[in-house]
Protein backbone atom coordinates (compact mmCIF):
# COMPACT_ATOMS: atom_id res chain seq x y z
CA UNK A 1 42.57 -58.94 102.53
CA UNK A 2 44.75 -60.47 99.79
CA UNK A 3 45.58 -56.97 98.46
CA UNK A 4 46.72 -55.84 101.95
CA UNK A 5 48.89 -58.92 102.24
CA UNK A 6 50.45 -58.24 98.92
CA UNK A 7 51.19 -54.61 99.38
CA UNK A 8 54.34 -54.97 101.67
CA UNK A 9 55.74 -57.58 99.24
CA UNK A 10 55.24 -55.18 96.24
CA UNK A 11 56.79 -52.20 98.12
CA UNK A 12 59.84 -54.30 99.03
CA UNK A 13 60.55 -55.29 95.49
CA UNK A 14 62.07 -51.85 94.41
CA UNK A 15 64.14 -51.77 97.55
CA UNK A 16 65.49 -55.25 96.89
CA UNK A 17 66.21 -54.20 93.27
CA UNK A 18 68.04 -51.04 94.35
CA UNK A 19 69.94 -52.92 96.99
CA UNK A 20 71.08 -55.64 94.59
CA UNK A 21 72.31 -52.90 92.01
CA UNK A 22 74.08 -50.99 94.82
CA UNK A 23 75.85 -54.23 95.81
CA UNK A 24 76.84 -55.08 92.30
CA UNK A 25 78.16 -51.56 91.74
CA UNK A 26 80.10 -51.44 94.93
CA UNK A 27 81.63 -54.82 94.36
CA UNK A 28 82.58 -53.82 90.78
CA UNK A 29 84.15 -50.55 91.92
CA UNK A 30 86.01 -52.08 94.95
CA UNK A 31 86.91 -55.31 93.29
CA UNK A 32 90.77 -54.56 92.97
CA UNK A 33 90.99 -53.53 96.61
CA UNK A 34 88.82 -56.30 98.25
CA UNK A 35 90.72 -58.92 100.25
CA UNK A 36 90.19 -61.75 97.95
CA UNK A 37 92.07 -64.97 98.41
CA UNK A 38 93.00 -65.15 94.68
CA UNK A 39 94.00 -62.54 92.23
CA UNK A 40 91.95 -62.07 88.96
CA UNK A 41 93.29 -64.00 86.03
CA UNK A 42 95.80 -65.98 88.10
CA UNK A 43 95.19 -69.83 87.55
CA UNK A 44 95.39 -72.52 90.18
CA UNK A 45 96.64 -75.40 88.01
CA UNK A 46 96.12 -77.79 90.98
CA UNK A 47 92.39 -77.04 91.08
CA UNK A 48 91.01 -76.88 87.54
CA UNK A 49 87.35 -77.02 86.88
CA UNK A 50 86.55 -77.82 90.49
CA UNK A 51 83.08 -77.19 92.09
CA UNK A 52 82.76 -74.98 95.19
CA UNK A 53 84.57 -76.19 98.26
CA UNK A 54 84.42 -74.83 101.79
CA UNK A 55 86.58 -77.39 103.60
CA UNK A 56 89.55 -78.04 101.50
CA UNK A 57 92.43 -75.59 101.32
CA UNK A 58 92.88 -73.36 99.32
CA UNK A 59 89.24 -72.46 99.55
CA UNK A 60 87.56 -71.69 96.29
CA UNK A 61 84.26 -70.55 97.55
CA UNK A 62 82.54 -70.62 94.20
CA UNK A 63 84.79 -73.14 92.41
CA UNK A 64 87.24 -72.65 89.63
CA UNK A 65 86.80 -72.36 85.84
CA UNK A 66 88.43 -74.47 83.12
CA UNK A 67 91.74 -72.50 83.57
CA UNK A 68 91.83 -72.93 87.29
CA UNK A 69 90.81 -69.26 87.91
CA UNK A 70 88.78 -68.44 91.07
CA UNK A 71 85.17 -68.04 90.10
CA UNK A 72 84.44 -65.52 93.01
CA UNK A 73 87.19 -63.29 91.91
CA UNK A 74 86.11 -63.45 88.27
CA UNK A 75 82.65 -62.81 89.20
CA UNK A 76 83.47 -59.53 91.08
CA UNK A 77 85.70 -58.39 88.29
CA UNK A 78 82.98 -59.23 85.77
CA UNK A 79 80.73 -56.78 87.76
CA UNK A 80 83.45 -54.24 87.28
CA UNK A 81 82.91 -54.51 83.57
CA UNK A 82 79.25 -53.65 84.16
CA UNK A 83 80.18 -50.52 86.15
CA UNK A 84 82.93 -49.29 83.92
CA UNK A 85 81.58 -50.28 80.48
CA UNK A 86 77.87 -50.84 80.31
CA UNK A 87 76.84 -48.13 82.75
CA UNK A 88 78.86 -45.26 81.10
CA UNK A 89 77.71 -46.47 77.68
CA UNK A 90 74.08 -46.20 78.83
CA UNK A 91 74.63 -42.75 80.29
CA UNK A 92 76.35 -41.51 77.12
CA UNK A 93 73.78 -42.98 74.83
CA UNK A 94 70.93 -41.46 76.81
CA UNK A 95 72.67 -38.03 76.79
CA UNK A 96 73.34 -38.19 72.95
CA UNK A 97 69.90 -39.47 72.24
CA UNK A 98 68.30 -36.72 74.43
CA UNK A 99 70.25 -33.93 72.51
CA UNK A 100 69.63 -35.44 69.12
CA UNK A 101 65.94 -36.31 69.60
CA UNK A 102 65.30 -33.07 71.40
CA UNK A 103 66.79 -31.02 68.74
CA UNK A 104 65.04 -32.86 65.92
CA UNK A 105 61.62 -32.66 67.69
CA UNK A 106 61.79 -29.10 68.60
CA UNK A 107 63.24 -27.40 65.55
CA UNK A 108 62.10 -29.81 62.84
CA UNK A 109 63.48 -29.23 59.34
CA UNK A 110 63.25 -25.39 59.15
CA UNK A 111 63.40 -24.21 62.66
CA UNK A 112 67.19 -24.16 62.95
CA UNK A 113 69.04 -21.98 60.53
CA UNK A 114 72.70 -22.45 59.87
CA UNK A 115 74.71 -19.37 58.99
CA UNK A 116 76.60 -19.49 55.65
CA UNK A 117 80.07 -19.11 57.38
CA UNK A 118 79.39 -22.03 59.78
CA UNK A 119 78.03 -24.17 57.04
CA UNK A 120 81.19 -23.71 54.81
CA UNK A 121 83.54 -24.30 57.73
CA UNK A 122 81.52 -27.44 58.67
CA UNK A 123 81.67 -28.81 55.18
CA UNK A 124 85.40 -28.21 55.07
CA UNK A 125 85.89 -30.05 58.31
CA UNK A 126 83.87 -33.06 56.99
CA UNK A 127 85.93 -32.95 53.69
CA UNK A 128 89.20 -32.76 55.61
CA UNK A 129 88.30 -35.59 57.91
CA UNK A 130 87.21 -37.96 55.12
CA UNK A 131 89.64 -37.04 52.21
CA UNK A 132 92.89 -36.40 53.95
CA UNK A 133 94.67 -39.13 56.23
CA UNK A 134 95.53 -38.10 59.76
CA UNK A 135 93.26 -34.99 59.62
CA UNK A 136 91.40 -35.61 62.77
CA UNK A 137 93.07 -32.72 64.66
CA UNK A 138 92.56 -30.33 61.89
CA UNK A 139 88.91 -31.37 61.51
CA UNK A 140 88.36 -30.81 65.22
CA UNK A 141 89.76 -27.33 64.89
CA UNK A 142 87.47 -26.61 61.93
CA UNK A 143 84.41 -27.95 63.88
CA UNK A 144 85.35 -25.71 66.78
CA UNK A 145 85.59 -22.80 64.20
CA UNK A 146 82.14 -23.78 62.78
CA UNK A 147 80.65 -23.58 66.27
CA UNK A 148 82.31 -20.25 66.89
CA UNK A 149 80.96 -18.96 63.57
CA UNK A 150 77.42 -20.32 64.45
CA UNK A 151 77.62 -18.39 67.73
CA UNK A 152 78.95 -15.06 66.33
CA UNK A 153 76.87 -15.03 63.06
CA UNK A 154 73.57 -13.79 64.71
CA UNK A 155 75.55 -10.66 65.85
CA UNK A 156 76.51 -9.83 62.33
CA UNK A 157 74.37 -7.77 60.02
CA UNK A 158 74.41 -10.19 57.04
CA UNK A 159 73.11 -13.20 58.89
CA UNK A 160 69.47 -12.67 57.81
CA UNK A 161 70.43 -12.92 54.13
CA UNK A 162 73.00 -15.83 54.41
CA UNK A 163 71.54 -18.53 56.65
CA UNK A 164 70.40 -21.98 55.48
CA UNK A 165 67.67 -24.03 57.11
CA UNK A 166 69.16 -27.12 58.64
CA UNK A 167 67.01 -30.27 58.16
CA UNK A 168 67.58 -31.60 61.57
CA UNK A 169 64.57 -33.83 61.70
CA UNK A 170 65.41 -35.37 58.23
CA UNK A 171 68.93 -36.02 59.19
CA UNK A 172 67.73 -37.54 62.49
CA UNK A 173 65.41 -39.89 60.81
CA UNK A 174 67.91 -40.90 58.32
CA UNK A 175 70.51 -41.84 60.96
CA UNK A 176 67.95 -43.72 63.00
CA UNK A 177 66.61 -45.56 60.01
CA UNK A 178 70.18 -46.54 58.95
CA UNK A 179 71.12 -47.81 62.32
CA UNK A 180 67.79 -49.63 62.71
CA UNK A 181 67.95 -51.35 59.44
CA UNK A 182 70.57 -53.92 60.77
CA UNK A 183 69.90 -55.82 64.04
CA UNK A 184 72.02 -54.41 66.87
CA UNK A 185 73.85 -57.71 67.62
CA UNK A 186 74.70 -58.34 63.97
CA UNK A 187 75.92 -54.70 63.62
CA UNK A 188 78.11 -54.93 66.78
CA UNK A 189 79.53 -58.23 65.67
CA UNK A 190 80.44 -56.91 62.25
CA UNK A 191 82.07 -53.86 63.76
CA UNK A 192 83.82 -55.77 66.55
CA UNK A 193 85.26 -58.56 64.39
CA UNK A 194 88.89 -58.49 64.16
CA UNK A 195 91.52 -57.55 66.68
CA UNK A 196 90.30 -57.12 70.29
CA UNK A 197 89.02 -53.74 71.10
CA UNK A 198 90.07 -51.49 74.00
CA UNK A 199 87.69 -50.47 76.58
CA UNK A 200 87.27 -47.07 75.02
CA UNK A 201 86.63 -48.40 71.58
CA UNK A 202 84.06 -50.90 72.93
CA UNK A 203 82.47 -48.09 74.90
CA UNK A 204 81.99 -45.95 71.66
CA UNK A 205 80.66 -49.04 69.79
CA UNK A 206 77.94 -49.63 72.43
CA UNK A 207 77.11 -45.87 72.53
CA UNK A 208 76.77 -45.80 68.68
CA UNK A 209 74.25 -48.72 68.63
CA UNK A 210 72.37 -47.68 71.84
CA UNK A 211 71.50 -43.85 71.29
CA UNK A 212 68.66 -44.26 68.63
CA UNK A 213 66.18 -45.76 71.21
CA UNK A 214 66.32 -42.84 73.78
CA UNK A 215 66.52 -40.35 70.78
CA UNK A 216 63.22 -41.67 69.36
CA UNK A 217 61.51 -41.42 72.73
CA UNK A 218 62.66 -37.88 73.49
CA UNK A 219 61.76 -36.75 69.86
CA UNK A 220 58.20 -38.14 70.23
CA UNK A 221 57.76 -36.38 73.56
CA UNK A 222 59.27 -33.21 72.26
CA UNK A 223 56.71 -33.03 69.50
CA UNK A 224 54.11 -32.60 72.24
CA UNK A 225 56.10 -30.44 74.54
CA UNK A 226 56.83 -27.78 71.97
CA UNK A 227 53.06 -27.12 71.55
CA UNK A 228 52.41 -26.60 75.37
CA UNK A 229 51.38 -23.24 76.62
CA UNK A 230 54.54 -22.62 78.71
CA UNK A 231 56.59 -22.87 75.59
CA UNK A 232 54.48 -20.15 73.90
CA UNK A 233 54.63 -18.11 77.18
CA UNK A 234 58.38 -18.36 77.19
CA UNK A 235 58.64 -17.09 73.50
CA UNK A 236 56.25 -14.26 74.35
CA UNK A 237 58.44 -13.33 77.33
CA UNK A 238 61.30 -12.72 74.88
CA UNK A 239 63.54 -15.71 75.76
CA UNK A 240 65.82 -16.95 73.07
CA UNK A 241 64.93 -20.21 71.29
CA UNK A 242 67.98 -21.89 72.56
CA UNK A 243 67.23 -21.10 76.15
CA UNK A 244 63.59 -22.29 75.74
CA UNK A 245 64.83 -25.56 74.27
CA UNK A 246 67.53 -26.24 76.91
CA UNK A 247 65.99 -24.88 79.95
CA UNK A 248 62.35 -25.56 79.61
CA UNK A 249 61.42 -27.94 76.79
CA UNK A 250 64.25 -30.53 76.95
CA UNK A 251 63.75 -31.35 80.64
CA UNK A 252 60.06 -32.18 80.10
CA UNK A 253 60.83 -34.15 76.93
CA UNK A 254 63.40 -36.32 78.92
CA UNK A 255 61.02 -37.57 81.51
CA UNK A 256 60.36 -40.96 79.75
CA UNK A 257 64.03 -41.77 80.06
CA UNK A 258 63.59 -42.35 83.79
CA UNK A 259 61.82 -45.65 82.96
CA UNK A 260 63.70 -46.50 79.75
CA UNK A 261 67.30 -46.02 80.89
CA UNK A 262 67.29 -48.93 83.24
CA UNK A 263 65.96 -51.07 80.36
CA UNK A 264 68.67 -49.62 78.06
CA UNK A 265 71.29 -50.56 80.68
CA UNK A 266 69.88 -54.09 80.88
CA UNK A 267 70.10 -54.50 77.11
CA UNK A 268 73.70 -53.29 77.00
CA UNK A 269 74.62 -55.59 79.71
CA UNK A 270 73.10 -58.43 77.84
CA UNK A 271 74.90 -57.23 74.70
CA UNK A 272 78.31 -57.02 76.37
CA UNK A 273 77.73 -60.46 77.98
CA UNK A 274 76.87 -61.90 74.55
CA UNK A 275 80.04 -60.54 73.00
CA UNK A 276 82.18 -61.99 75.90
CA UNK A 277 80.31 -65.32 75.48
CA UNK A 278 81.13 -65.50 71.76
CA UNK A 279 84.76 -64.23 72.40
CA UNK A 280 84.35 -61.16 70.26
CA UNK A 281 85.62 -57.70 70.86
CA UNK A 282 87.50 -58.24 74.16
CA UNK A 283 90.82 -59.93 75.02
CA UNK A 284 90.52 -63.40 76.50
CA UNK A 285 92.09 -62.34 79.83
CA UNK A 286 89.42 -59.80 80.61
CA UNK A 287 87.10 -61.03 83.34
CA UNK A 288 83.37 -61.08 82.30
CA UNK A 289 80.16 -62.94 83.21
CA UNK A 290 79.88 -63.90 79.54
CA UNK A 291 83.33 -65.36 79.57
CA UNK A 292 82.37 -67.62 82.60
CA UNK A 293 79.21 -68.76 80.75
CA UNK A 294 81.13 -69.48 77.53
CA UNK A 295 83.09 -72.19 79.37
CA UNK A 296 79.90 -74.25 79.64
CA UNK A 297 80.32 -75.07 76.07
CA UNK A 298 83.53 -76.98 76.72
CA UNK A 299 82.34 -78.35 80.15
CA UNK A 300 78.52 -78.64 80.23
CA UNK A 301 78.79 -80.23 83.68
CA UNK A 302 80.24 -77.13 85.33
CA UNK A 303 76.97 -76.30 86.99
CA UNK A 304 78.64 -73.78 89.36
CA UNK A 305 79.50 -71.51 86.49
CA UNK A 306 75.95 -71.34 85.37
CA UNK A 307 74.60 -70.83 88.84
CA UNK A 308 77.25 -68.01 89.75
CA UNK A 309 77.57 -66.04 86.47
CA UNK A 310 74.07 -66.81 85.27
CA UNK A 311 72.48 -65.99 88.61
CA UNK A 312 74.36 -62.63 88.81
CA UNK A 313 73.33 -61.76 85.26
CA UNK A 314 69.75 -62.72 85.83
CA UNK A 315 69.20 -61.02 89.11
CA UNK A 316 70.80 -57.80 87.69
CA UNK A 317 68.47 -57.75 84.71
CA UNK A 318 65.49 -58.52 86.88
CA UNK A 319 66.51 -55.65 89.22
CA UNK A 320 66.83 -53.23 86.29
CA UNK A 321 63.41 -54.35 85.10
CA UNK A 322 61.83 -53.71 88.45
CA UNK A 323 63.58 -50.30 88.70
CA UNK A 324 62.21 -49.29 85.33
CA UNK A 325 58.67 -50.48 86.31
CA UNK A 326 58.74 -48.46 89.53
CA UNK A 327 59.76 -45.27 87.65
CA UNK A 328 56.83 -45.31 85.30
């Protein structure tokens, strides 16, 4: 009987989690166009650090912060940071991690061969990018030429005698070990210290520290997938190795990401909130949940800041955890 009473409650938890995440995403996307009584970043100097009020005018439904800014407005624009920064960073990190881990697990150290022409052009691109200032555009052109040479080389007669085995797995392991040697928060603080970063720069920084985790999971799954019978059947059918990897093996290897991507998003939201709490990486006028929480250091009695920003952060992380649990 107790199990029957618990079942409706357990079934409702994923729906509540999805509903909360949809509400946060919708509020973040539509924040600039919502009929809010106060604009973002505009202080009300007559009402500084005031608790929520529903009777006095003007009405600050969730109170004001230490600068007189409306907490409700700052909370909604803080949700916008989650939608426009943490969510894209999670998607890009999962995509890069899936491609990197899937390649390393499928081809190993000798399964992928780099044509001599493509290798020389790739080395030239790396040298040009490192040695010469302002060589980013030329390096991109050389990388494009290397990709073209890689694609065209199998159609040439001399490719069998001038191709190098590319140690994808060793390079992957080295990159993951290097990034994992330093705690993620310490690495981000070291890279973000200095002038405030733009949204694009902070996005790339979050992607750079977040991609190893999904990459390790996809690689571990790919080591099992590449030995399954359907992969051998695809090879026997005459399909190219690239087609087998992209169309058949990689989708199966990416299945664990359904449960881990919500957890990765929760981690990046916590990381972005921590940076905003410490005042690192973002201009002070950018609305964020972490910025609201940071004001508690100056005004510990501002309980409404903890309830509003802390509650929004807590419910979002719990919703993502429940979503990950339901996808297992």
